[in-house]
């Protein structure tokens, strides 16, 4: 739901092709998992939180 809300709804005409949309989705997912800190995850990015949980 977050992905659709942040990069699709209201921006349907922003992408000229499915390939362009696919590239934007891949970039969004990568950025979301590797750069965006989350308060719910104690200020960590999702990958850091997952790795920390697996080693604990």
PDB file of N, CA and C in Angstrom:
ATOM      1  N   UNK A   1       0.802  -1.188   0.000  1.00  0.00           N
ATOM      2  CA  UNK A   1       0.000   0.000   0.000  1.00  0.00           C
ATOM      3  C   UNK A   1       0.854   1.264   0.000  1.00  0.00           C
ATOM      4  N   UNK A   2       1.970   1.235   0.730  1.00  0.00           N
ATOM      5  CA  UNK A   2       2.823   2.425   0.799  1.00  0.00           C
ATOM      6  C   UNK A   2       3.397   2.731  -0.579  1.00  0.00           C
ATOM      7  N   UNK A   3       3.863   1.708  -1.267  1.00  0.00           N
ATOM      8  CA  UNK A   3       4.437   1.896  -2.603  1.00  0.00           C
ATOM      9  C   UNK A   3       3.409   2.530  -3.529  1.00  0.00           C
ATOM     10  N   UNK A   4       2.195   2.009  -3.560  1.00  0.00           N
ATOM     11  CA  UNK A   4       1.171   2.557  -4.438  1.00  0.00           C
ATOM     12  C   UNK A   4       0.844   3.992  -4.067  1.00  0.00           C
ATOM     13  N   UNK A   5       0.736   4.263  -2.784  1.00  0.00           N
ATOM     14  CA  UNK A   5       0.380   5.611  -2.338  1.00  0.00           C
ATOM     15  C   UNK A   5       1.481   6.613  -2.676  1.00  0.00           C
ATOM     16  N   UNK A   6       2.733   6.218  -2.494  1.00  0.00           N
ATOM     17  CA  UNK A   6       3.829   7.166  -2.681  1.00  0.00           C
ATOM     18  C   UNK A   6       4.271   7.345  -4.125  1.00  0.00           C
ATOM     19  N   UNK A   7       4.086   6.333  -4.956  1.00  0.00           N
ATOM     20  CA  UNK A   7       4.598   6.515  -6.316  1.00  0.00           C
ATOM     21  C   UNK A   7       3.632   6.201  -7.446  1.00  0.00           C
ATOM     22  N   UNK A   8       2.387   5.875  -7.135  1.00  0.00           N
ATOM     23  CA  UNK A   8       1.485   5.586  -8.251  1.00  0.00           C
ATOM     24  C   UNK A   8       0.224   6.439  -8.238  1.00  0.00           C
ATOM     25  N   UNK A   9      -0.542   6.406  -7.156  1.00  0.00           N
ATOM     26  CA  UNK A   9      -1.806   7.150  -7.134  1.00  0.00           C
ATOM     27  C   UNK A   9      -1.577   8.626  -7.421  1.00  0.00           C
ATOM     28  N   UNK A  10      -2.281   9.126  -8.425  1.00  0.00           N
ATOM     29  CA  UNK A  10      -2.137  10.519  -8.822  1.00  0.00           C
ATOM     30  C   UNK A  10      -0.983  10.768  -9.769  1.00  0.00           C
ATOM     31  N   UNK A  11      -0.206   9.731 -10.052  1.00  0.00           N
ATOM     32  CA  UNK A  11       0.962   9.874 -10.927  1.00  0.00           C
ATOM     33  C   UNK A  11       0.920   8.865 -12.067  1.00  0.00           C
ATOM     34  N   UNK A  12      -0.265   8.373 -12.357  1.00  0.00           N
ATOM     35  CA  UNK A  12      -0.398   7.323 -13.357  1.00  0.00           C
ATOM     36  C   UNK A  12       0.201   7.688 -14.712  1.00  0.00           C
ATOM     37  N   UNK A  13       0.175   8.952 -15.065  1.00  0.00           N
ATOM     38  CA  UNK A  13       0.679   9.391 -16.372  1.00  0.00           C
ATOM     39  C   UNK A  13       2.162   9.748 -16.345  1.00  0.00           C
ATOM     40  N   UNK A  14       2.803   9.586 -15.218  1.00  0.00           N
ATOM     41  CA  UNK A  14       4.206   9.947 -15.071  1.00  0.00           C
ATOM     42  C   UNK A  14       5.129   9.010 -15.849  1.00  0.00           C
ATOM     43  N   UNK A  15       4.718   7.777 -16.032  1.00  0.00           N
ATOM     44  CA  UNK A  15       5.562   6.760 -16.663  1.00  0.00           C
ATOM     45  C   UNK A  15       5.118   6.524 -18.099  1.00  0.00           C
ATOM     46  N   UNK A  16       6.082   6.593 -19.018  1.00  0.00           N
ATOM     47  CA  UNK A  16       5.771   6.455 -20.435  1.00  0.00           C
ATOM     48  C   UNK A  16       5.627   5.011 -20.879  1.00  0.00           C
ATOM     49  N   UNK A  17       6.197   4.077 -20.118  1.00  0.00           N
ATOM     50  CA  UNK A  17       6.118   2.671 -20.509  1.00  0.00           C
ATOM     51  C   UNK A  17       6.146   1.790 -19.264  1.00  0.00           C
ATOM     52  N   UNK A  18       5.826   0.527 -19.449  1.00  0.00           N
ATOM     53  CA  UNK A  18       5.888  -0.430 -18.345  1.00  0.00           C
ATOM     54  C   UNK A  18       7.318  -0.622 -17.867  1.00  0.00           C
ATOM     55  N   UNK A  19       8.266  -0.568 -18.798  1.00  0.00           N
ATOM     56  CA  UNK A  19       9.679  -0.698 -18.411  1.00  0.00           C
ATOM     57  C   UNK A  19      10.100   0.441 -17.487  1.00  0.00           C
ATOM     58  N   UNK A  20       9.665   1.643 -17.798  1.00  0.00           N
ATOM     59  CA  UNK A  20       9.992   2.806 -16.970  1.00  0.00           C
ATOM     60  C   UNK A  20       9.363   2.661 -15.580  1.00  0.00           C
ATOM     61  N   UNK A  21       8.123   2.188 -15.525  1.00  0.00           N
ATOM     62  CA  UNK A  21       7.458   1.951 -14.251  1.00  0.00           C
ATOM     63  C   UNK A  21       8.182   0.863 -13.460  1.00  0.00           C
ATOM     64  N   UNK A  22       8.573  -0.206 -14.140  1.00  0.00           N
ATOM     65  CA  UNK A  22       9.285  -1.302 -13.470  1.00  0.00           C
ATOM     66  C   UNK A  22      10.608  -0.819 -12.876  1.00  0.00           C
ATOM     67  N   UNK A  23      11.350  -0.024 -13.618  1.00  0.00           N
ATOM     68  CA  UNK A  23      12.619   0.519 -13.108  1.00  0.00           C
ATOM     69  C   UNK A  23      12.379   1.401 -11.888  1.00  0.00           C
ATOM     70  N   UNK A  24      11.333   2.214 -11.930  1.00  0.00           N
ATOM     71  CA  UNK A  24      11.016   3.091 -10.803  1.00  0.00           C
ATOM     72  C   UNK A  24      10.634   2.268  -9.573  1.00  0.00           C
ATOM     73  N   UNK A  25       9.891   1.180  -9.766  1.00  0.00           N
ATOM     74  CA  UNK A  25       9.494   0.311  -8.654  1.00  0.00           C
ATOM     75  C   UNK A  25      10.718  -0.363  -8.060  1.00  0.00           C
ATOM     76  N   UNK A  26      11.608  -0.870  -8.893  1.00  0.00           N
ATOM     77  CA  UNK A  26      12.827  -1.513  -8.387  1.00  0.00           C
ATOM     78  C   UNK A  26      13.681  -0.524  -7.580  1.00  0.00           C
ATOM     79  N   UNK A  27      13.817   0.700  -8.072  1.00  0.00           N
ATOM     80  CA  UNK A  27      14.584   1.717  -7.350  1.00  0.00           C
ATOM     81  C   UNK A  27      13.912   2.045  -6.021  1.00  0.00           C
ATOM     82  N   UNK A  28      12.596   2.187  -6.028  1.00  0.00           N
ATOM     83  CA  UNK A  28      11.852   2.492  -4.808  1.00  0.00           C
ATOM     84  C   UNK A  28      12.063   1.390  -3.765  1.00  0.00           C
ATOM     85  N   UNK A  29      11.930   0.131  -4.161  1.00  0.00           N
ATOM     86  CA  UNK A  29      12.087  -0.987  -3.228  1.00  0.00           C
ATOM     87  C   UNK A  29      13.504  -1.020  -2.672  1.00  0.00           C
ATOM     88  N   UNK A  30      14.492  -0.812  -3.533  1.00  0.00           N
ATOM     89  CA  UNK A  30      15.878  -0.796  -3.067  1.00  0.00           C
ATOM     90  C   UNK A  30      16.099   0.337  -2.059  1.00  0.00           C
ATOM     91  N   UNK A  31      15.644   1.536  -2.383  1.00  0.00           N
ATOM     92  CA  UNK A  31      15.799   2.669  -1.480  1.00  0.00           C
ATOM     93  C   UNK A  31      15.049   2.437  -0.169  1.00  0.00           C
ATOM     94  N   UNK A  32      13.858   1.872  -0.258  1.00  0.00           N
ATOM     95  CA  UNK A  32      13.043   1.619   0.927  1.00  0.00           C
ATOM     96  C   UNK A  32      13.753   0.653   1.877  1.00  0.00           C
ATOM     97  N   UNK A  33      14.393  -0.362   1.328  1.00  0.00           N
ATOM     98  CA  UNK A  33      15.042  -1.380   2.156  1.00  0.00           C
ATOM     99  C   UNK A  33      16.454  -1.027   2.600  1.00  0.00           C
ATOM    100  N   UNK A  34      17.108  -0.099   1.907  1.00  0.00           N
ATOM    101  CA  UNK A  34      18.519   0.161   2.214  1.00  0.00           C
ATOM    102  C   UNK A  34      18.819   1.573   2.701  1.00  0.00           C
ATOM    103  N   UNK A  35      17.859   2.487   2.635  1.00  0.00           N
ATOM    104  CA  UNK A  35      18.164   3.869   2.989  1.00  0.00           C
ATOM    105  C   UNK A  35      17.168   4.512   3.943  1.00  0.00           C
ATOM    106  N   UNK A  36      15.988   3.998   4.045  1.00  0.00           N
ATOM    107  CA  UNK A  36      14.928   4.646   4.806  1.00  0.00           C
ATOM    108  C   UNK A  36      14.843   4.101   6.226  1.00  0.00           C
ATOM    109  N   UNK A  37      15.113   4.941   7.205  1.00  0.00           N
ATOM    110  CA  UNK A  37      15.006   4.487   8.597  1.00  0.00           C
ATOM    111  C   UNK A  37      13.536   4.493   9.007  1.00  0.00           C
ATOM    112  N   UNK A  38      13.202   3.588   9.901  1.00  0.00           N
ATOM    113  CA  UNK A  38      11.822   3.463  10.372  1.00  0.00           C
ATOM    114  C   UNK A  38      11.803   3.554  11.892  1.00  0.00           C
ATOM    115  N   UNK A  39      10.910   4.359  12.441  1.00  0.00           N
ATOM    116  CA  UNK A  39      10.771   4.463  13.890  1.00  0.00           C
ATOM    117  C   UNK A  39      10.365   3.126  14.498  1.00  0.00           C
ATOM    118  N   UNK A  40       9.474   2.403  13.807  1.00  0.00           N
ATOM    119  CA  UNK A  40       9.039   1.097  14.311  1.00  0.00           C
ATOM    120  C   UNK A  40      10.196   0.112  14.436  1.00  0.00           C
ATOM    121  N   UNK A  41      11.236   0.323  13.661  1.00  0.00           N
ATOM    122  CA  UNK A  41      12.387  -0.577  13.671  1.00  0.00           C
ATOM    123  C   UNK A  41      13.532   0.022  14.482  1.00  0.00           C
ATOM    124  N   UNK A  42      13.185   0.858  15.449  1.00  0.00           N
ATOM    125  CA  UNK A  42      14.164   1.473  16.358  1.00  0.00           C
ATOM    126  C   UNK A  42      15.196   2.329  15.628  1.00  0.00           C
ATOM    127  N   UNK A  43      14.752   3.017  14.572  1.00  0.00           N
ATOM    128  CA  UNK A  43      15.629   3.924  13.839  1.00  0.00           C
ATOM    129  C   UNK A  43      16.559   3.254  12.849  1.00  0.00           C
ATOM    130  N   UNK A  44      16.369   1.973  12.625  1.00  0.00           N
ATOM    131  CA  UNK A  44      17.208   1.240  11.677  1.00  0.00           C
ATOM    132  C   UNK A  44      16.514   1.141  10.328  1.00  0.00           C
ATOM    133  N   UNK A  45      17.301   0.846   9.295  1.00  0.00           N
ATOM    134  CA  UNK A  45      16.700   0.532   8.008  1.00  0.00           C
ATOM    135  C   UNK A  45      16.269  -0.935   8.056  1.00  0.00           C
ATOM    136  N   UNK A  46      15.307  -1.357   7.239  1.00  0.00           N
ATOM    137  CA  UNK A  46      14.804  -2.723   7.309  1.00  0.00           C
ATOM    138  C   UNK A  46      15.881  -3.817   7.233  1.00  0.00           C
ATOM    139  N   UNK A  47      16.878  -3.665   6.395  1.00  0.00           N
ATOM    140  CA  UNK A  47      17.912  -4.695   6.260  1.00  0.00           C
ATOM    141  C   UNK A  47      18.737  -4.791   7.542  1.00  0.00           C
ATOM    142  N   UNK A  48      19.092  -3.650   8.132  1.00  0.00           N
ATOM    143  CA  UNK A  48      19.851  -3.668   9.390  1.00  0.00           C
ATOM    144  C   UNK A  48      19.041  -4.352  10.492  1.00  0.00           C
ATOM    145  N   UNK A  49      17.756  -4.019  10.565  1.00  0.00           N
ATOM    146  CA  UNK A  49      16.893  -4.606  11.585  1.00  0.00           C
ATOM    147  C   UNK A  49      16.804  -6.122  11.424  1.00  0.00           C
ATOM    148  N   UNK A  50      16.611  -6.565  10.185  1.00  0.00           N
ATOM    149  CA  UNK A  50      16.529  -8.004   9.903  1.00  0.00           C
ATOM    150  C   UNK A  50      17.826  -8.716  10.283  1.00  0.00           C
ATOM    151  N   UNK A  51      18.945  -8.151   9.892  1.00  0.00           N
ATOM    152  CA  UNK A  51      20.249  -8.758  10.208  1.00  0.00           C
ATOM    153  C   UNK A  51      20.481  -8.804  11.713  1.00  0.00           C
ATOM    154  N   UNK A  52      20.115  -7.728  12.404  1.00  0.00           N
ATOM    155  CA  UNK A  52      20.284  -7.680  13.846  1.00  0.00           C
ATOM    156  C   UNK A  52      19.386  -8.717  14.529  1.00  0.00           C
ATOM    157  N   UNK A  53      18.182  -8.893  14.028  1.00  0.00           N
ATOM    158  CA  UNK A  53      17.254  -9.871  14.596  1.00  0.00           C
ATOM    159  C   UNK A  53      17.756 -11.296  14.395  1.00  0.00           C
ATOM    160  N   UNK A  54      18.375 -11.552  13.266  1.00  0.00           N
ATOM    161  CA  UNK A  54      18.868 -12.905  12.965  1.00  0.00           C
ATOM    162  C   UNK A  54      20.091 -13.267  13.806  1.00  0.00           C
ATOM    163  N   UNK A  55      20.889 -12.272  14.182  1.00  0.00           N
ATOM    164  CA  UNK A  55      22.098 -12.564  14.944  1.00  0.00           C
ATOM    165  C   UNK A  55      21.852 -12.569  16.445  1.00  0.00           C
ATOM    166  N   UNK A  56      20.700 -12.062  16.873  1.00  0.00           N
ATOM    167  CA  UNK A  56      20.408 -12.000  18.317  1.00  0.00           C
ATOM    168  C   UNK A  56      19.953 -13.343  18.850  1.00  0.00           C
TER     169      UNK A  56
END
